[in-house]
PDB file of N, CA and C in Angstrom:
ATOM      1  N   CYS A   1       0.872  -1.158   0.058  1.00  0.00           N
ATOM      2  CA  CYS A   1      -0.334   0.243   0.113  1.00  0.00           C
ATOM      3  C   CYS A   1       0.814   1.352   0.049  1.00  0.00           C
ATOM      4  N   LEU A   2       0.656   1.984  -1.016  1.00  0.00           N
ATOM      5  CA  LEU A   2       1.443   3.379  -0.903  1.00  0.00           C
ATOM      6  C   LEU A   2       0.841   4.462  -0.419  1.00  0.00           C
ATOM      7  N   MET A   3      -0.289   4.710   0.360  1.00  0.00           N
ATOM      8  CA  MET A   3      -0.776   5.554   1.176  1.00  0.00           C
ATOM      9  C   MET A   3      -0.906   5.385   2.317  1.00  0.00           C
ATOM     10  N   LEU A   4      -0.838   6.496   3.274  1.00  0.00           N
ATOM     11  CA  LEU A   4      -1.138   6.766   4.639  1.00  0.00           C
ATOM     12  C   LEU A   4      -2.543   6.244   4.972  1.00  0.00           C
ATOM     13  N   ALA A   5      -2.696   6.111   5.859  1.00  0.00           N
ATOM     14  CA  ALA A   5      -3.998   5.530   6.174  1.00  0.00           C
ATOM     15  C   ALA A   5      -4.997   6.882   6.684  1.00  0.00           C
ATOM     16  N   ALA A   6      -4.295   8.031   7.138  1.00  0.00           N
ATOM     17  CA  ALA A   6      -5.198   9.187   7.181  1.00  0.00           C
ATOM     18  C   ALA A   6      -5.557   9.612   5.712  1.00  0.00           C
ATOM     19  N   GLU A   7      -4.927   9.274   4.784  1.00  0.00           N
ATOM     20  CA  GLU A   7      -5.250   9.625   3.362  1.00  0.00           C
ATOM     21  C   GLU A   7      -6.444   8.805   2.701  1.00  0.00           C
ATOM     22  N   ALA A   8      -6.875   7.709   3.336  1.00  0.00           N
ATOM     23  CA  ALA A   8      -7.638   6.944   3.034  1.00  0.00           C
ATOM     24  C   ALA A   8      -9.021   7.194   3.798  1.00  0.00           C
ATOM     25  N   GLU A   9      -8.871   8.072   4.643  1.00  0.00           N
ATOM     26  CA  GLU A   9     -10.197   8.524   5.524  1.00  0.00           C
ATOM     27  C   GLU A   9     -11.487   8.623   4.833  1.00  0.00           C
ATOM     28  N   GLY A  10     -12.362   8.339   4.953  1.00  0.00           N
ATOM     29  CA  GLY A  10     -13.502   8.879   4.123  1.00  0.00           C
ATOM     30  C   GLY A  10     -13.844   8.188   2.796  1.00  0.00           C
ATOM     31  N   HIS A  11     -12.966   7.551   2.647  1.00  0.00           N
ATOM     32  CA  HIS A  11     -12.683   6.509   1.206  1.00  0.00           C
ATOM     33  C   HIS A  11     -12.967   5.095   1.525  1.00  0.00           C
ATOM     34  N   GLU A  12     -13.780   4.425   0.403  1.00  0.00           N
ATOM     35  CA  GLU A  12     -13.770   3.098   0.548  1.00  0.00           C
ATOM     36  C   GLU A  12     -12.470   2.305  -0.735  1.00  0.00           C
ATOM     37  N   ILE A  13     -11.613   1.580   0.251  1.00  0.00           N
ATOM     38  CA  ILE A  13     -10.332   0.543  -0.399  1.00  0.00           C
ATOM     39  C   ILE A  13     -11.120  -0.727  -0.549  1.00  0.00           C
ATOM     40  N   GLY A  14     -10.486  -0.689  -1.858  1.00  0.00           N
ATOM     41  CA  GLY A  14     -11.116  -2.427  -2.686  1.00  0.00           C
ATOM     42  C   GLY A  14      -9.511  -2.930  -2.522  1.00  0.00           C
ATOM     43  N   THR A  15      -9.866  -4.395  -2.382  1.00  0.00           N
ATOM     44  CA  THR A  15      -8.753  -5.385  -2.305  1.00  0.00           C
ATOM     45  C   THR A  15      -8.927  -6.350  -3.132  1.00  0.00           C
ATOM     46  N   ILE A  16      -8.121  -6.987  -3.616  1.00  0.00           N
ATOM     47  CA  ILE A  16      -8.069  -8.364  -4.371  1.00  0.00           C
ATOM     48  C   ILE A  16      -9.367  -9.444  -3.481  1.00  0.00           C
ATOM     49  N   GLU A  17      -8.782  -9.492  -2.022  1.00  0.00           N
ATOM     50  CA  GLU A  17      -9.745 -10.294  -1.613  1.00  0.00           C
ATOM     51  C   GLU A  17     -11.271 -10.289  -1.536  1.00  0.00           C
ATOM     52  N   GLY A  18     -11.589  -9.002  -2.106  1.00  0.00           N
ATOM     53  CA  GLY A  18     -13.105  -8.343  -1.877  1.00  0.00           C
ATOM     54  C   GLY A  18     -13.567  -8.600  -3.230  1.00  0.00           C
ATOM     55  N   MET A  19     -12.599  -9.221  -4.383  1.00  0.00           N
ATOM     56  CA  MET A  19     -13.276  -9.304  -5.552  1.00  0.00           C
ATOM     57  C   MET A  19     -14.377 -10.737  -5.460  1.00  0.00           C
ATOM     58  N   ALA A  20     -14.053 -11.465  -5.435  1.00  0.00           N
ATOM     59  CA  ALA A  20     -14.598 -12.774  -5.223  1.00  0.00           C
ATOM     60  C   ALA A  20     -15.897 -12.410  -4.500  1.00  0.00           C
ATOM     61  N   LYS A  21     -16.481 -13.486  -5.118  1.00  0.00           N
ATOM     62  CA  LYS A  21     -17.743 -13.813  -4.030  1.00  0.00           C
ATOM     63  C   LYS A  21     -17.864 -15.145  -3.772  1.00  0.00           C
ATOM     64  N   GLY A  22     -17.544 -15.150  -2.379  1.00  0.00           N
ATOM     65  CA  GLY A  22     -17.370 -16.944  -1.909  1.00  0.00           C
ATOM     66  C   GLY A  22     -16.307 -17.661  -2.410  1.00  0.00           C
ATOM     67  N   ASP A  23     -16.752 -18.830  -2.899  1.00  0.00           N
ATOM     68  CA  ASP A  23     -15.934 -19.497  -3.774  1.00  0.00           C
ATOM     69  C   ASP A  23     -16.222 -19.082  -5.390  1.00  0.00           C
ATOM     70  N   ARG A  24     -16.733 -18.158  -5.561  1.00  0.00           N
ATOM     71  CA  ARG A  24     -16.785 -17.914  -7.533  1.00  0.00           C
ATOM     72  C   ARG A  24     -16.053 -16.571  -7.138  1.00  0.00           C
ATOM     73  N   LEU A  25     -15.297 -16.936  -8.166  1.00  0.00           N
ATOM     74  CA  LEU A  25     -14.053 -15.731  -8.807  1.00  0.00           C
ATOM     75  C   LEU A  25     -14.824 -14.662  -9.495  1.00  0.00           C
ATOM     76  N   HIS A  26     -14.443 -13.631  -9.331  1.00  0.00           N
ATOM     77  CA  HIS A  26     -14.744 -12.318  -9.941  1.00  0.00           C
ATOM     78  C   HIS A  26     -14.327 -12.722 -11.400  1.00  0.00           C
ATOM     79  N   PRO A  27     -15.325 -12.285 -12.658  1.00  0.00           N
ATOM     80  CA  PRO A  27     -14.586 -12.541 -13.879  1.00  0.00           C
ATOM     81  C   PRO A  27     -13.127 -12.174 -14.361  1.00  0.00           C
ATOM     82  N   LEU A  28     -12.923 -10.778 -13.790  1.00  0.00           N
ATOM     83  CA  LEU A  28     -11.347 -10.476 -13.946  1.00  0.00           C
ATOM     84  C   LEU A  28     -10.183 -11.854 -13.370  1.00  0.00           C
ATOM     85  N   GLN A  29     -10.683 -12.212 -12.420  1.00  0.00           N
ATOM     86  CA  GLN A  29      -9.686 -12.984 -11.853  1.00  0.00           C
ATOM     87  C   GLN A  29      -9.700 -14.162 -12.852  1.00  0.00           C
ATOM     88  N   GLN A  30     -10.922 -14.661 -12.846  1.00  0.00           N
ATOM     89  CA  GLN A  30     -11.027 -16.355 -13.958  1.00  0.00           C
ATOM     90  C   GLN A  30     -10.202 -16.059 -15.063  1.00  0.00           C
ATOM     91  N   LYS A  31     -10.470 -14.866 -15.913  1.00  0.00           N
ATOM     92  CA  LYS A  31      -9.798 -14.705 -17.120  1.00  0.00           C
ATOM     93  C   LYS A  31      -8.532 -14.281 -16.852  1.00  0.00           C
ATOM     94  N   PHE A  32      -7.761 -14.124 -16.003  1.00  0.00           N
ATOM     95  CA  PHE A  32      -6.514 -13.825 -15.492  1.00  0.00           C
ATOM     96  C   PHE A  32      -5.810 -15.405 -15.519  1.00  0.00           C
ATOM     97  N   LEU A  33      -6.889 -16.371 -15.090  1.00  0.00           N
ATOM     98  CA  LEU A  33      -6.435 -17.704 -15.115  1.00  0.00           C
ATOM     99  C   LEU A  33      -6.136 -18.579 -16.193  1.00  0.00           C
ATOM    100  N   GLU A  34      -7.347 -18.007 -16.950  1.00  0.00           N
ATOM    101  CA  GLU A  34      -7.682 -18.791 -18.163  1.00  0.00           C
ATOM    102  C   GLU A  34      -6.690 -18.224 -19.377  1.00  0.00           C
ATOM    103  N   HIS A  35      -5.920 -16.916 -19.002  1.00  0.00           N
ATOM    104  CA  HIS A  35      -5.084 -16.596 -20.410  1.00  0.00           C
ATOM    105  C   HIS A  35      -3.699 -16.864 -19.530  1.00  0.00           C
ATOM    106  N   ALA A  36      -3.696 -17.298 -18.492  1.00  0.00           N
ATOM    107  CA  ALA A  36      -2.107 -17.404 -17.765  1.00  0.00           C
ATOM    108  C   ALA A  36      -1.692 -15.891 -18.036  1.00  0.00           C
ATOM    109  N   ALA A  37      -2.344 -15.231 -17.352  1.00  0.00           N
ATOM    110  CA  ALA A  37      -2.209 -13.418 -17.061  1.00  0.00           C
ATOM    111  C   ALA A  37      -1.478 -13.479 -15.885  1.00  0.00           C
ATOM    112  N   LEU A  38      -0.872 -14.498 -15.084  1.00  0.00           N
ATOM    113  CA  LEU A  38       0.142 -14.059 -14.013  1.00  0.00           C
ATOM    114  C   LEU A  38       0.891 -15.254 -13.746  1.00  0.00           C
ATOM    115  N   GLN A  39       2.061 -15.040 -13.245  1.00  0.00           N
ATOM    116  CA  GLN A  39       2.970 -15.778 -13.077  1.00  0.00           C
ATOM    117  C   GLN A  39       3.718 -16.113 -11.628  1.00  0.00           C
ATOM    118  N   CYS A  40       4.370 -14.961 -11.226  1.00  0.00           N
ATOM    119  CA  CYS A  40       5.346 -15.094  -9.935  1.00  0.00           C
ATOM    120  C   CYS A  40       4.049 -14.403  -8.780  1.00  0.00           C
ATOM    121  N   GLY A  41       3.132 -13.514  -9.507  1.00  0.00           N
ATOM    122  CA  GLY A  41       2.366 -13.207  -8.589  1.00  0.00           C
ATOM    123  C   GLY A  41       2.525 -11.887  -7.853  1.00  0.00           C
ATOM    124  N   ILE A  42       3.542 -11.265  -8.031  1.00  0.00           N
ATOM    125  CA  ILE A  42       3.941 -10.068  -7.269  1.00  0.00           C
ATOM    126  C   ILE A  42       2.823  -8.905  -7.647  1.00  0.00           C
ATOM    127  N   CYS A  43       2.868  -8.666  -8.924  1.00  0.00           N
ATOM    128  CA  CYS A  43       1.689  -7.490  -9.732  1.00  0.00           C
ATOM    129  C   CYS A  43       0.351  -7.863  -9.689  1.00  0.00           C
ATOM    130  N   THR A  44       0.106  -9.327  -9.814  1.00  0.00           N
ATOM    131  CA  THR A  44      -1.166  -9.795  -9.599  1.00  0.00           C
ATOM    132  C   THR A  44      -2.720  -9.056  -9.025  1.00  0.00           C
ATOM    133  N   SER A  45      -2.135  -8.772  -7.788  1.00  0.00           N
ATOM    134  CA  SER A  45      -3.203  -8.323  -7.029  1.00  0.00           C
ATOM    135  C   SER A  45      -3.033  -6.885  -7.306  1.00  0.00           C
ATOM    136  N   GLY A  46      -2.367  -5.953  -7.759  1.00  0.00           N
ATOM    137  CA  GLY A  46      -2.322  -4.487  -8.710  1.00  0.00           C
ATOM    138  C   GLY A  46      -3.128  -4.767  -9.900  1.00  0.00           C
ATOM    139  N   MET A  47      -2.819  -5.619 -10.288  1.00  0.00           N
ATOM    140  CA  MET A  47      -3.259  -5.331 -12.091  1.00  0.00           C
ATOM    141  C   MET A  47      -5.004  -6.033 -11.823  1.00  0.00           C
ATOM    142  N   LEU A  48      -5.348  -6.765 -10.842  1.00  0.00           N
ATOM    143  CA  LEU A  48      -6.435  -7.026 -10.609  1.00  0.00           C
ATOM    144  C   LEU A  48      -7.463  -6.046 -10.173  1.00  0.00           C
ATOM    145  N   VAL A  49      -7.073  -5.318  -9.231  1.00  0.00           N
ATOM    146  CA  VAL A  49      -7.792  -4.354  -8.839  1.00  0.00           C
ATOM    147  C   VAL A  49      -7.899  -2.812  -9.737  1.00  0.00           C
ATOM    148  N   ALA A  50      -6.526  -2.815 -10.218  1.00  0.00           N
ATOM    149  CA  ALA A  50      -6.576  -1.698 -11.333  1.00  0.00           C
ATOM    150  C   ALA A  50      -7.792  -1.851 -12.555  1.00  0.00           C
ATOM    151  N   SER A  51      -7.432  -3.218 -12.929  1.00  0.00           N
ATOM    152  CA  SER A  51      -8.478  -3.651 -14.090  1.00  0.00           C
ATOM    153  C   SER A  51      -9.966  -3.465 -13.546  1.00  0.00           C
ATOM    154  N   GLU A  52     -10.322  -3.735 -12.290  1.00  0.00           N
ATOM    155  CA  GLU A  52     -11.536  -3.664 -11.895  1.00  0.00           C
ATOM    156  C   GLU A  52     -12.194  -2.338 -12.005  1.00  0.00           C
ATOM    157  N   ALA A  53     -11.219  -1.400 -11.225  1.00  0.00           N
ATOM    158  CA  ALA A  53     -11.464  -0.018 -11.411  1.00  0.00           C
ATOM    159  C   ALA A  53     -11.729   0.339 -12.502  1.00  0.00           C
ATOM    160  N   LEU A  54     -10.772   0.059 -13.645  1.00  0.00           N
ATOM    161  CA  LEU A  54     -10.874   0.717 -14.827  1.00  0.00           C
ATOM    162  C   LEU A  54     -12.348   0.166 -15.493  1.00  0.00           C
ATOM    163  N   LEU A  55     -12.902  -0.958 -15.623  1.00  0.00           N
ATOM    164  CA  LEU A  55     -14.110  -1.540 -16.080  1.00  0.00           C
ATOM    165  C   LEU A  55     -15.123  -0.657 -15.321  1.00  0.00           C
ATOM    166  N   ALA A  56     -15.088  -0.534 -14.033  1.00  0.00           N
ATOM    167  CA  ALA A  56     -15.980   0.074 -13.247  1.00  0.00           C
ATOM    168  C   ALA A  56     -16.661   1.543 -13.877  1.00  0.00           C
ATOM    169  N   ARG A  57     -15.478   2.091 -14.194  1.00  0.00           N
ATOM    170  CA  ARG A  57     -15.436   3.352 -14.985  1.00  0.00           C
ATOM    171  C   ARG A  57     -15.889   3.336 -16.404  1.00  0.00           C
ATOM    172  N   ASN A  58     -15.261   2.311 -17.167  1.00  0.00           N
ATOM    173  CA  ASN A  58     -15.506   2.510 -18.693  1.00  0.00           C
ATOM    174  C   ASN A  58     -15.573   0.951 -18.946  1.00  0.00           C
ATOM    175  N   SER A  59     -16.591   0.432 -19.731  1.00  0.00           N
ATOM    176  CA  SER A  59     -17.391  -0.892 -19.715  1.00  0.00           C
ATOM    177  C   SER A  59     -16.572  -1.096 -21.050  1.00  0.00           C
ATOM    178  N   ASN A  60     -15.831  -0.589 -21.917  1.00  0.00           N
ATOM    179  CA  ASN A  60     -15.579  -0.417 -23.112  1.00  0.00           C
ATOM    180  C   ASN A  60     -14.082   0.152 -23.705  1.00  0.00           C
ATOM    181  N   PRO A  61     -13.002  -0.165 -22.823  1.00  0.00           N
ATOM    182  CA  PRO A  61     -11.777   0.335 -23.105  1.00  0.00           C
ATOM    183  C   PRO A  61     -11.354   0.004 -24.502  1.00  0.00           C
ATOM    184  N   THR A  62     -10.637   0.574 -24.898  1.00  0.00           N
ATOM    185  CA  THR A  62      -9.511   0.232 -25.605  1.00  0.00           C
ATOM    186  C   THR A  62      -8.838  -0.155 -25.226  1.00  0.00           C
ATOM    187  N   GLU A  63      -7.521  -1.054 -26.423  1.00  0.00           N
ATOM    188  CA  GLU A  63      -6.140  -1.678 -25.735  1.00  0.00           C
ATOM    189  C   GLU A  63      -5.504  -0.691 -25.191  1.00  0.00           C
ATOM    190  N   GLU A  64      -5.064   0.896 -26.019  1.00  0.00           N
ATOM    191  CA  GLU A  64      -4.533   1.569 -25.579  1.00  0.00           C
ATOM    192  C   GLU A  64      -4.837   2.066 -23.885  1.00  0.00           C
ATOM    193  N   GLU A  65      -6.213   2.188 -23.374  1.00  0.00           N
ATOM    194  CA  GLU A  65      -6.773   2.602 -22.283  1.00  0.00           C
ATOM    195  C   GLU A  65      -6.717   1.728 -21.471  1.00  0.00           C
ATOM    196  N   VAL A  66      -6.342   0.257 -21.497  1.00  0.00           N
ATOM    197  CA  VAL A  66      -6.192  -0.561 -20.764  1.00  0.00           C
ATOM    198  C   VAL A  66      -4.910  -0.469 -20.337  1.00  0.00           C
ATOM    199  N   ARG A  67      -3.980  -0.438 -21.311  1.00  0.00           N
ATOM    200  CA  ARG A  67      -2.540  -0.313 -21.256  1.00  0.00           C
ATOM    201  C   ARG A  67      -2.026   0.843 -20.316  1.00  0.00           C
ATOM    202  N   PHE A  68      -2.823   1.859 -20.428  1.00  0.00           N
ATOM    203  CA  PHE A  68      -2.477   3.075 -19.919  1.00  0.00           C
ATOM    204  C   PHE A  68      -2.793   3.033 -18.308  1.00  0.00           C
ATOM    205  N   TRP A  69      -3.747   2.824 -18.259  1.00  0.00           N
ATOM    206  CA  TRP A  69      -4.666   2.459 -16.926  1.00  0.00           C
ATOM    207  C   TRP A  69      -3.815   1.569 -15.957  1.00  0.00           C
ATOM    208  N   LEU A  70      -2.831   0.498 -16.540  1.00  0.00           N
ATOM    209  CA  LEU A  70      -2.336  -0.442 -15.825  1.00  0.00           C
ATOM    210  C   LEU A  70      -0.803  -0.070 -15.875  1.00  0.00           C
ATOM    211  N   ALA A  71      -0.460   1.014 -16.459  1.00  0.00           N
ATOM    212  CA  ALA A  71       1.110   1.412 -16.676  1.00  0.00           C
ATOM    213  C   ALA A  71       1.737   1.704 -15.199  1.00  0.00           C
ATOM    214  N   GLY A  72       1.038   1.845 -13.954  1.00  0.00           N
ATOM    215  CA  GLY A  72       1.715   1.897 -12.635  1.00  0.00           C
ATOM    216  C   GLY A  72       2.196   0.695 -11.950  1.00  0.00           C
ATOM    217  N   ASN A  73       1.641  -0.680 -12.418  1.00  0.00           N
ATOM    218  CA  ASN A  73       1.933  -1.914 -12.020  1.00  0.00           C
ATOM    219  C   ASN A  73       2.639  -2.535 -12.780  1.00  0.00           C
ATOM    220  N   LEU A  74       3.996  -3.096 -12.713  1.00  0.00           N
ATOM    221  CA  LEU A  74       5.126  -3.251 -13.097  1.00  0.00           C
ATOM    222  C   LEU A  74       5.244  -4.802 -12.991  1.00  0.00           C
ATOM    223  N   CYS A  75       5.145  -5.232 -14.133  1.00  0.00           N
ATOM    224  CA  CYS A  75       5.165  -6.880 -14.651  1.00  0.00           C
ATOM    225  C   CYS A  75       6.289  -7.295 -15.279  1.00  0.00           C
ATOM    226  N   ARG A  76       7.076  -8.217 -14.842  1.00  0.00           N
ATOM    227  CA  ARG A  76       8.323  -8.838 -15.462  1.00  0.00           C
ATOM    228  C   ARG A  76       8.261  -9.873 -15.968  1.00  0.00           C
ATOM    229  N   CYS A  77       6.867 -10.570 -15.593  1.00  0.00           N
ATOM    230  CA  CYS A  77       6.903 -12.136 -16.114  1.00  0.00           C
ATOM    231  C   CYS A  77       5.973 -12.573 -17.347  1.00  0.00           C
ATOM    232  N   THR A  78       4.909 -11.258 -17.610  1.00  0.00           N
ATOM    233  CA  THR A  78       3.994 -11.857 -18.571  1.00  0.00           C
ATOM    234  C   THR A  78       4.180 -10.904 -20.048  1.00  0.00           C
ATOM    235  N   GLY A  79       4.755  -9.910 -19.910  1.00  0.00           N
ATOM    236  CA  GLY A  79       5.313  -8.720 -20.687  1.00  0.00           C
ATOM    237  C   GLY A  79       3.657  -8.061 -20.882  1.00  0.00           C
ATOM    238  N   TYR A  80       2.680  -8.326 -20.415  1.00  0.00           N
ATOM    239  CA  TYR A  80       1.764  -7.373 -20.550  1.00  0.00           C
ATOM    240  C   TYR A  80       0.632  -7.967 -21.306  1.00  0.00           C
ATOM    241  N   ASP A  81       0.919  -8.804 -22.304  1.00  0.00           N
ATOM    242  CA  ASP A  81       0.055  -8.904 -23.607  1.00  0.00           C
ATOM    243  C   ASP A  81      -0.906  -9.816 -22.894  1.00  0.00           C
ATOM    244  N   LYS A  82      -0.886 -10.830 -22.190  1.00  0.00           N
ATOM    245  CA  LYS A  82      -1.814 -11.842 -21.677  1.00  0.00           C
ATOM    246  C   LYS A  82      -2.638 -11.074 -20.866  1.00  0.00           C
ATOM    247  N   ILE A  83      -2.172 -10.195 -19.637  1.00  0.00           N
ATOM    248  CA  ILE A  83      -3.041  -8.928 -18.884  1.00  0.00           C
ATOM    249  C   ILE A  83      -3.924  -8.515 -19.488  1.00  0.00           C
ATOM    250  N   VAL A  84      -3.690  -7.615 -20.736  1.00  0.00           N
ATOM    251  CA  VAL A  84      -4.235  -7.034 -21.438  1.00  0.00           C
ATOM    252  C   VAL A  84      -5.623  -7.598 -22.325  1.00  0.00           C
ATOM    253  N   ARG A  85      -4.989  -8.606 -22.963  1.00  0.00           N
ATOM    254  CA  ARG A  85      -6.328  -9.885 -23.421  1.00  0.00           C
ATOM    255  C   ARG A  85      -7.256 -10.369 -22.479  1.00  0.00           C
ATOM    256  N   ALA A  86      -6.845 -10.582 -20.815  1.00  0.00           N
ATOM    257  CA  ALA A  86      -7.555 -11.015 -20.088  1.00  0.00           C
ATOM    258  C   ALA A  86      -8.692 -10.040 -19.629  1.00  0.00           C
ATOM    259  N   VAL A  87      -8.142  -8.509 -19.772  1.00  0.00           N
ATOM    260  CA  VAL A  87      -8.906  -7.676 -19.273  1.00  0.00           C
ATOM    261  C   VAL A  87     -10.039  -7.188 -20.572  1.00  0.00           C
ATOM    262  N   MET A  88      -9.358  -7.309 -21.741  1.00  0.00           N
ATOM    263  CA  MET A  88     -10.370  -6.879 -22.848  1.00  0.00           C
ATOM    264  C   MET A  88     -11.456  -7.981 -22.987  1.00  0.00           C
ATOM    265  N   GLU A  89     -11.197  -9.159 -22.868  1.00  0.00           N
ATOM    266  CA  GLU A  89     -12.002 -10.222 -22.836  1.00  0.00           C
ATOM    267  C   GLU A  89     -12.966 -10.339 -21.934  1.00  0.00           C
ATOM    268  N   THR A  90     -12.603 -10.060 -20.513  1.00  0.00           N
ATOM    269  CA  THR A  90     -13.632  -9.859 -19.463  1.00  0.00           C
ATOM    270  C   THR A  90     -14.384  -8.676 -19.835  1.00  0.00           C
ATOM    271  N   ALA A  91     -14.063  -7.641 -20.332  1.00  0.00           N
ATOM    272  CA  ALA A  91     -14.912  -6.513 -20.811  1.00  0.00           C
ATOM    273  C   ALA A  91     -15.933  -6.920 -21.456  1.00  0.00           C
ATOM    274  N   ALA A  92     -15.517  -7.624 -22.540  1.00  0.00           N
ATOM    275  CA  ALA A  92     -16.593  -8.098 -23.520  1.00  0.00           C
ATOM    276  C   ALA A  92     -17.430  -8.609 -22.882  1.00  0.00           C
ATOM    277  N   GLU A  93     -17.118  -9.724 -22.253  1.00  0.00           N
ATOM    278  CA  GLU A  93     -18.056 -10.689 -21.669  1.00  0.00           C
ATOM    279  C   GLU A  93     -18.866 -10.000 -20.754  1.00  0.00           C
ATOM    280  N   MET A  94     -18.761  -9.111 -20.024  1.00  0.00           N
ATOM    281  CA  MET A  94     -19.532  -8.290 -18.885  1.00  0.00           C
ATOM    282  C   MET A  94     -20.316  -7.493 -19.557  1.00  0.00           C
ATOM    283  N   ARG A  95     -19.957  -7.026 -20.892  1.00  0.00           N
ATOM    284  CA  ARG A  95     -20.985  -6.029 -21.670  1.00  0.00           C
ATOM    285  C   ARG A  95     -22.485  -6.980 -22.284  1.00  0.00           C
ATOM    286  N   GLU A  96     -21.658  -8.208 -22.475  1.00  0.00           N
ATOM    287  CA  GLU A  96     -22.578  -9.153 -22.794  1.00  0.00           C
ATOM    288  C   GLU A  96     -23.450  -9.584 -21.719  1.00  0.00           C
ATOM    289  N   THR A  97     -23.161  -9.608 -20.615  1.00  0.00           N
ATOM    290  CA  THR A  97     -23.975 -10.248 -19.839  1.00  0.00           C
ATOM    291  C   THR A  97     -24.873  -9.022 -19.427  1.00  0.00           C
ATOM    292  N   ALA A  98     -24.595  -7.930 -19.599  1.00  0.00           N
ATOM    293  CA  ALA A  98     -25.339  -6.736 -19.039  1.00  0.00           C
ATOM    294  C   ALA A  98     -26.494  -6.513 -19.976  1.00  0.00           C
ATOM    295  N   ARG A  99     -26.595  -6.976 -21.066  1.00  0.00           N
ATOM    296  CA  ARG A  99     -27.659  -6.817 -22.049  1.00  0.00           C
ATOM    297  C   ARG A  99     -28.442  -7.644 -21.639  1.00  0.00           C
TER     298      ARG A  99
END
């Protein structure tokens, strides 16, 4: 965490633990598994939480928007392509489900 507790006062904080609903993974978590968009796991939490925040604001992001949104999370294992594909596919499926 890169913020002081006082900075979070009055704000809601989401974590990776809050994404799943019981035993049912969040669609992003499931797609990360399906696309092998995680390896060592160090960046995974940040990538998932940032991706969830992006999709909450923009249900139809471009690849460029996904890459920009995730730019603050460093990954040395996947090269970002699998992560971006997982986010893009999740967005498409969530839009389809919402119809």
